[in-house]
Amino acid sequence: MVEVSRKQAAANADGLQRAAGLPSPSPEHEALSARWVAGEIDNEEFERLGMDLVRKRLAVTAATAGEG
């Protein structure tokens, strides 16, 4: 099995996201990804914090939709 560096994994994820036509990651997610690539946080914490960002983004979207 070939091991991929965190830097390469992040670059692959960015490329896949662009290829799928998805919106660019938020600045908060980019900062989180940079912390993971630098080894400041482990995989579990990266996933947990990433999901927290998604939940917050969804809550804001739902609140904004409810205003209209």
PDB file of N, CA and C in Angstrom:
ATOM      1  N   MET A   1       0.845  -1.188   0.000  1.00  0.00           N
ATOM      2  CA  MET A   1       0.000   0.000   0.000  1.00  0.00           C
ATOM      3  C   MET A   1       0.888   1.248   0.000  1.00  0.00           C
ATOM      4  N   VAL A   2       0.559   2.194  -0.832  1.00  0.00           N
ATOM      5  CA  VAL A   2       1.320   3.437  -0.928  1.00  0.00           C
ATOM      6  C   VAL A   2       0.745   4.436   0.063  1.00  0.00           C
ATOM      7  N   GLU A   3       1.628   5.010   0.859  1.00  0.00           N
ATOM      8  CA  GLU A   3       1.181   6.014   1.821  1.00  0.00           C
ATOM      9  C   GLU A   3       1.266   7.393   1.177  1.00  0.00           C
ATOM     10  N   VAL A   4       0.216   8.172   1.332  1.00  0.00           N
ATOM     11  CA  VAL A   4       0.142   9.515   0.768  1.00  0.00           C
ATOM     12  C   VAL A   4       0.354  10.517   1.898  1.00  0.00           C
ATOM     13  N   SER A   5       1.162  11.532   1.649  1.00  0.00           N
ATOM     14  CA  SER A   5       1.387  12.555   2.665  1.00  0.00           C
ATOM     15  C   SER A   5       0.106  13.354   2.886  1.00  0.00           C
ATOM     16  N   ARG A   6       0.034  13.994   4.018  1.00  0.00           N
ATOM     17  CA  ARG A   6      -1.129  14.848   4.307  1.00  0.00           C
ATOM     18  C   ARG A   6      -1.235  15.967   3.280  1.00  0.00           C
ATOM     19  N   LYS A   7      -0.085  16.516   2.889  1.00  0.00           N
ATOM     20  CA  LYS A   7      -0.082  17.601   1.906  1.00  0.00           C
ATOM     21  C   LYS A   7      -0.675  17.116   0.583  1.00  0.00           C
ATOM     22  N   GLN A   8      -0.267  15.921   0.152  1.00  0.00           N
ATOM     23  CA  GLN A   8      -0.788  15.362  -1.097  1.00  0.00           C
ATOM     24  C   GLN A   8      -2.263  15.023  -0.963  1.00  0.00           C
ATOM     25  N   ALA A   9      -2.666  14.497   0.195  1.00  0.00           N
ATOM     26  CA  ALA A   9      -4.072  14.159   0.415  1.00  0.00           C
ATOM     27  C   ALA A   9      -4.952  15.408   0.343  1.00  0.00           C
ATOM     28  N   ALA A  10      -4.478  16.496   0.929  1.00  0.00           N
ATOM     29  CA  ALA A  10      -5.240  17.750   0.884  1.00  0.00           C
ATOM     30  C   ALA A  10      -5.326  18.270  -0.554  1.00  0.00           C
ATOM     31  N   ALA A  11      -4.230  18.183  -1.289  1.00  0.00           N
ATOM     32  CA  ALA A  11      -4.238  18.626  -2.689  1.00  0.00           C
ATOM     33  C   ALA A  11      -5.182  17.768  -3.523  1.00  0.00           C
ATOM     34  N   ASN A  12      -5.175  16.453  -3.282  1.00  0.00           N
ATOM     35  CA  ASN A  12      -6.092  15.552  -3.993  1.00  0.00           C
ATOM     36  C   ASN A  12      -7.546  15.905  -3.699  1.00  0.00           C
ATOM     37  N   ALA A  13      -7.853  16.170  -2.427  1.00  0.00           N
ATOM     38  CA  ALA A  13      -9.224  16.517  -2.048  1.00  0.00           C
ATOM     39  C   ALA A  13      -9.663  17.814  -2.724  1.00  0.00           C
ATOM     40  N   ASP A  14      -8.769  18.802  -2.765  1.00  0.00           N
ATOM     41  CA  ASP A  14      -9.090  20.076  -3.429  1.00  0.00           C
ATOM     42  C   ASP A  14      -9.365  19.855  -4.914  1.00  0.00           C
ATOM     43  N   GLY A  15      -8.536  19.042  -5.560  1.00  0.00           N
ATOM     44  CA  GLY A  15      -8.722  18.753  -6.978  1.00  0.00           C
ATOM     45  C   GLY A  15     -10.027  18.035  -7.253  1.00  0.00           C
ATOM     46  N   LEU A  16     -10.356  17.065  -6.418  1.00  0.00           N
ATOM     47  CA  LEU A  16     -11.621  16.339  -6.588  1.00  0.00           C
ATOM     48  C   LEU A  16     -12.814  17.262  -6.395  1.00  0.00           C
ATOM     49  N   GLN A  17     -12.707  18.171  -5.431  1.00  0.00           N
ATOM     50  CA  GLN A  17     -13.793  19.112  -5.175  1.00  0.00           C
ATOM     51  C   GLN A  17     -14.001  20.017  -6.388  1.00  0.00           C
ATOM     52  N   ARG A  18     -12.928  20.530  -6.943  1.00  0.00           N
ATOM     53  CA  ARG A  18     -13.038  21.381  -8.138  1.00  0.00           C
ATOM     54  C   ARG A  18     -13.584  20.596  -9.323  1.00  0.00           C
ATOM     55  N   ALA A  19     -13.095  19.369  -9.515  1.00  0.00           N
ATOM     56  CA  ALA A  19     -13.548  18.538 -10.634  1.00  0.00           C
ATOM     57  C   ALA A  19     -15.032  18.224 -10.527  1.00  0.00           C
ATOM     58  N   ALA A  20     -15.537  18.124  -9.317  1.00  0.00           N
ATOM     59  CA  ALA A  20     -16.956  17.836  -9.107  1.00  0.00           C
ATOM     60  C   ALA A  20     -17.813  19.088  -9.232  1.00  0.00           C
ATOM     61  N   GLY A  21     -17.176  20.245  -9.398  1.00  0.00           N
ATOM     62  CA  GLY A  21     -17.923  21.494  -9.538  1.00  0.00           C
ATOM     63  C   GLY A  21     -18.496  22.006  -8.229  1.00  0.00           C
ATOM     64  N   LEU A  22     -17.922  21.565  -7.114  1.00  0.00           N
ATOM     65  CA  LEU A  22     -18.406  22.001  -5.804  1.00  0.00           C
ATOM     66  C   LEU A  22     -17.812  23.355  -5.451  1.00  0.00           C
ATOM     67  N   PRO A  23     -18.467  24.087  -4.559  1.00  0.00           N
ATOM     68  CA  PRO A  23     -17.920  25.390  -4.167  1.00  0.00           C
ATOM     69  C   PRO A  23     -16.576  25.233  -3.464  1.00  0.00           C
ATOM     70  N   SER A  24     -15.791  26.269  -3.517  1.00  0.00           N
ATOM     71  CA  SER A  24     -14.493  26.267  -2.832  1.00  0.00           C
ATOM     72  C   SER A  24     -14.710  26.134  -1.333  1.00  0.00           C
ATOM     73  N   PRO A  25     -13.762  25.523  -0.636  1.00  0.00           N
ATOM     74  CA  PRO A  25     -13.888  25.424   0.813  1.00  0.00           C
ATOM     75  C   PRO A  25     -13.865  26.814   1.447  1.00  0.00           C
ATOM     76  N   SER A  26     -14.528  26.909   2.578  1.00  0.00           N
ATOM     77  CA  SER A  26     -14.552  28.182   3.294  1.00  0.00           C
ATOM     78  C   SER A  26     -13.150  28.484   3.831  1.00  0.00           C
ATOM     79  N   PRO A  27     -12.885  29.753   4.132  1.00  0.00           N
ATOM     80  CA  PRO A  27     -11.589  30.099   4.730  1.00  0.00           C
ATOM     81  C   PRO A  27     -11.348  29.332   6.043  1.00  0.00           C
ATOM     82  N   GLU A  28     -12.419  29.091   6.791  1.00  0.00           N
ATOM     83  CA  GLU A  28     -12.291  28.345   8.043  1.00  0.00           C
ATOM     84  C   GLU A  28     -11.836  26.911   7.773  1.00  0.00           C
ATOM     85  N   HIS A  29     -12.411  26.294   6.734  1.00  0.00           N
ATOM     86  CA  HIS A  29     -12.024  24.922   6.414  1.00  0.00           C
ATOM     87  C   HIS A  29     -10.597  24.874   5.854  1.00  0.00           C
ATOM     88  N   GLU A  30     -10.228  25.870   5.072  1.00  0.00           N
ATOM     89  CA  GLU A  30      -8.856  25.917   4.561  1.00  0.00           C
ATOM     90  C   GLU A  30      -7.858  26.037   5.705  1.00  0.00           C
ATOM     91  N   ALA A  31      -8.184  26.850   6.716  1.00  0.00           N
ATOM     92  CA  ALA A  31      -7.307  26.997   7.883  1.00  0.00           C
ATOM     93  C   ALA A  31      -7.225  25.686   8.662  1.00  0.00           C
ATOM     94  N   LEU A  32      -8.346  25.000   8.791  1.00  0.00           N
ATOM     95  CA  LEU A  32      -8.369  23.710   9.473  1.00  0.00           C
ATOM     96  C   LEU A  32      -7.520  22.698   8.709  1.00  0.00           C
ATOM     97  N   SER A  33      -7.664  22.673   7.405  1.00  0.00           N
ATOM     98  CA  SER A  33      -6.880  21.771   6.569  1.00  0.00           C
ATOM     99  C   SER A  33      -5.390  22.063   6.711  1.00  0.00           C
ATOM    100  N   ALA A  34      -5.019  23.327   6.757  1.00  0.00           N
ATOM    101  CA  ALA A  34      -3.611  23.706   6.906  1.00  0.00           C
ATOM    102  C   ALA A  34      -3.060  23.213   8.248  1.00  0.00           C
ATOM    103  N   ARG A  35      -3.872  23.275   9.300  1.00  0.00           N
ATOM    104  CA  ARG A  35      -3.445  22.768  10.616  1.00  0.00           C
ATOM    105  C   ARG A  35      -3.223  21.266  10.564  1.00  0.00           C
ATOM    106  N   TRP A  36      -4.095  20.552   9.838  1.00  0.00           N
ATOM    107  CA  TRP A  36      -3.964  19.107   9.705  1.00  0.00           C
ATOM    108  C   TRP A  36      -2.703  18.760   8.914  1.00  0.00           C
ATOM    109  N   VAL A  37      -2.493  19.453   7.782  1.00  0.00           N
ATOM    110  CA  VAL A  37      -1.310  19.210   6.955  1.00  0.00           C
ATOM    111  C   VAL A  37      -0.035  19.449   7.765  1.00  0.00           C
ATOM    112  N   ALA A  38      -0.039  20.483   8.608  1.00  0.00           N
ATOM    113  CA  ALA A  38       1.136  20.818   9.419  1.00  0.00           C
ATOM    114  C   ALA A  38       1.339  19.849  10.587  1.00  0.00           C
ATOM    115  N   GLY A  39       0.361  18.957  10.810  1.00  0.00           N
ATOM    116  CA  GLY A  39       0.487  17.998  11.900  1.00  0.00           C
ATOM    117  C   GLY A  39       0.071  18.539  13.253  1.00  0.00           C
ATOM    118  N   GLU A  40      -0.579  19.697  13.266  1.00  0.00           N
ATOM    119  CA  GLU A  40      -1.021  20.298  14.524  1.00  0.00           C
ATOM    120  C   GLU A  40      -2.189  19.539  15.138  1.00  0.00           C
ATOM    121  N   ILE A  41      -2.991  18.896  14.289  1.00  0.00           N
ATOM    122  CA  ILE A  41      -4.124  18.113  14.767  1.00  0.00           C
ATOM    123  C   ILE A  41      -4.093  16.749  14.085  1.00  0.00           C
ATOM    124  N   ASP A  42      -4.650  15.747  14.750  1.00  0.00           N
ATOM    125  CA  ASP A  42      -4.657  14.403  14.175  1.00  0.00           C
ATOM    126  C   ASP A  42      -5.893  14.194  13.306  1.00  0.00           C
ATOM    127  N   ASN A  43      -5.971  13.037  12.685  1.00  0.00           N
ATOM    128  CA  ASN A  43      -7.077  12.736  11.766  1.00  0.00           C
ATOM    129  C   ASN A  43      -8.436  12.837  12.445  1.00  0.00           C
ATOM    130  N   GLU A  44      -8.522  12.283  13.660  1.00  0.00           N
ATOM    131  CA  GLU A  44      -9.804  12.289  14.381  1.00  0.00           C
ATOM    132  C   GLU A  44     -10.264  13.709  14.680  1.00  0.00           C
ATOM    133  N   GLU A  45      -9.340  14.541  15.157  1.00  0.00           N
ATOM    134  CA  GLU A  45      -9.694  15.929  15.474  1.00  0.00           C
ATOM    135  C   GLU A  45     -10.040  16.702  14.198  1.00  0.00           C
ATOM    136  N   PHE A  46      -9.309  16.447  13.111  1.00  0.00           N
ATOM    137  CA  PHE A  46      -9.603  17.097  11.834  1.00  0.00           C
ATOM    138  C   PHE A  46     -11.026  16.770  11.388  1.00  0.00           C
ATOM    139  N   GLU A  47     -11.393  15.489  11.486  1.00  0.00           N
ATOM    140  CA  GLU A  47     -12.735  15.091  11.076  1.00  0.00           C
ATOM    141  C   GLU A  47     -13.803  15.708  11.971  1.00  0.00           C
ATOM    142  N   ARG A  48     -13.565  15.685  13.286  1.00  0.00           N
ATOM    143  CA  ARG A  48     -14.540  16.248  14.230  1.00  0.00           C
ATOM    144  C   ARG A  48     -14.719  17.746  14.010  1.00  0.00           C
ATOM    145  N   LEU A  49     -13.608  18.471  13.899  1.00  0.00           N
ATOM    146  CA  LEU A  49     -13.690  19.922  13.691  1.00  0.00           C
ATOM    147  C   LEU A  49     -14.280  20.257  12.329  1.00  0.00           C
ATOM    148  N   GLY A  50     -13.974  19.439  11.323  1.00  0.00           N
ATOM    149  CA  GLY A  50     -14.558  19.643   9.999  1.00  0.00           C
ATOM    150  C   GLY A  50     -16.076  19.488  10.030  1.00  0.00           C
ATOM    151  N   MET A  51     -16.533  18.469  10.746  1.00  0.00           N
ATOM    152  CA  MET A  51     -17.986  18.272  10.857  1.00  0.00           C
ATOM    153  C   MET A  51     -18.630  19.420  11.632  1.00  0.00           C
ATOM    154  N   ASP A  52     -17.946  19.942  12.640  1.00  0.00           N
ATOM    155  CA  ASP A  52     -18.461  21.111  13.370  1.00  0.00           C
ATOM    156  C   ASP A  52     -18.642  22.293  12.418  1.00  0.00           C
ATOM    157  N   LEU A  53     -17.663  22.505  11.528  1.00  0.00           N
ATOM    158  CA  LEU A  53     -17.772  23.598  10.553  1.00  0.00           C
ATOM    159  C   LEU A  53     -18.955  23.386   9.618  1.00  0.00           C
ATOM    160  N   VAL A  54     -19.157  22.140   9.182  1.00  0.00           N
ATOM    161  CA  VAL A  54     -20.285  21.831   8.288  1.00  0.00           C
ATOM    162  C   VAL A  54     -21.603  22.107   9.007  1.00  0.00           C
ATOM    163  N   ARG A  55     -21.716  21.672  10.255  1.00  0.00           N
ATOM    164  CA  ARG A  55     -22.955  21.909  11.022  1.00  0.00           C
ATOM    165  C   ARG A  55     -23.233  23.405  11.170  1.00  0.00           C
ATOM    166  N   LYS A  56     -22.193  24.177  11.464  1.00  0.00           N
ATOM    167  CA  LYS A  56     -22.378  25.630  11.613  1.00  0.00           C
ATOM    168  C   LYS A  56     -22.808  26.256  10.287  1.00  0.00           C
ATOM    169  N   ARG A  57     -22.194  25.818   9.189  1.00  0.00           N
ATOM    170  CA  ARG A  57     -22.537  26.353   7.870  1.00  0.00           C
ATOM    171  C   ARG A  57     -23.987  26.026   7.518  1.00  0.00           C
ATOM    172  N   LEU A  58     -24.419  24.788   7.823  1.00  0.00           N
ATOM    173  CA  LEU A  58     -25.797  24.383   7.556  1.00  0.00           C
ATOM    174  C   LEU A  58     -26.783  25.162   8.410  1.00  0.00           C
ATOM    175  N   ALA A  59     -26.422  25.418   9.664  1.00  0.00           N
ATOM    176  CA  ALA A  59     -27.298  26.185  10.549  1.00  0.00           C
ATOM    177  C   ALA A  59     -27.489  27.606  10.034  1.00  0.00           C
ATOM    178  N   VAL A  60     -26.405  28.221   9.566  1.00  0.00           N
ATOM    179  CA  VAL A  60     -26.487  29.569   9.013  1.00  0.00           C
ATOM    180  C   VAL A  60     -27.340  29.562   7.758  1.00  0.00           C
ATOM    181  N   THR A  61     -27.144  28.565   6.894  1.00  0.00           N
ATOM    182  CA  THR A  61     -27.923  28.458   5.665  1.00  0.00           C
ATOM    183  C   THR A  61     -29.402  28.289   5.977  1.00  0.00           C
ATOM    184  N   ALA A  62     -29.727  27.444   6.957  1.00  0.00           N
ATOM    185  CA  ALA A  62     -31.126  27.212   7.322  1.00  0.00           C
ATOM    186  C   ALA A  62     -31.745  28.468   7.912  1.00  0.00           C
ATOM    187  N   ALA A  63     -30.985  29.178   8.742  1.00  0.00           N
ATOM    188  CA  ALA A  63     -31.502  30.409   9.342  1.00  0.00           C
ATOM    189  C   ALA A  63     -31.745  31.476   8.290  1.00  0.00           C
ATOM    190  N   THR A  64     -30.818  31.566   7.336  1.00  0.00           N
ATOM    191  CA  THR A  64     -30.965  32.541   6.256  1.00  0.00           C
ATOM    192  C   THR A  64     -32.168  32.205   5.372  1.00  0.00           C
ATOM    193  N   ALA A  65     -32.367  30.927   5.093  1.00  0.00           N
ATOM    194  CA  ALA A  65     -33.505  30.493   4.259  1.00  0.00           C
ATOM    195  C   ALA A  65     -34.819  30.772   4.983  1.00  0.00           C
ATOM    196  N   GLY A  66     -34.812  30.659   6.290  1.00  0.00           N
ATOM    197  CA  GLY A  66     -36.022  30.899   7.075  1.00  0.00           C
ATOM    198  C   GLY A  66     -36.407  32.369   7.148  1.00  0.00           C
ATOM    199  N   GLU A  67     -35.470  33.253   6.828  1.00  0.00           N
ATOM    200  CA  GLU A  67     -35.745  34.690   6.872  1.00  0.00           C
ATOM    201  C   GLU A  67     -36.543  35.155   5.659  1.00  0.00           C
ATOM    202  N   GLY A  68     -36.470  34.396   4.568  1.00  0.00           N
ATOM    203  CA  GLY A  68     -37.074  34.816   3.314  1.00  0.00           C
ATOM    204  C   GLY A  68     -38.459  34.502   3.189  1.00  0.00           C
TER     205      GLY A  68
END
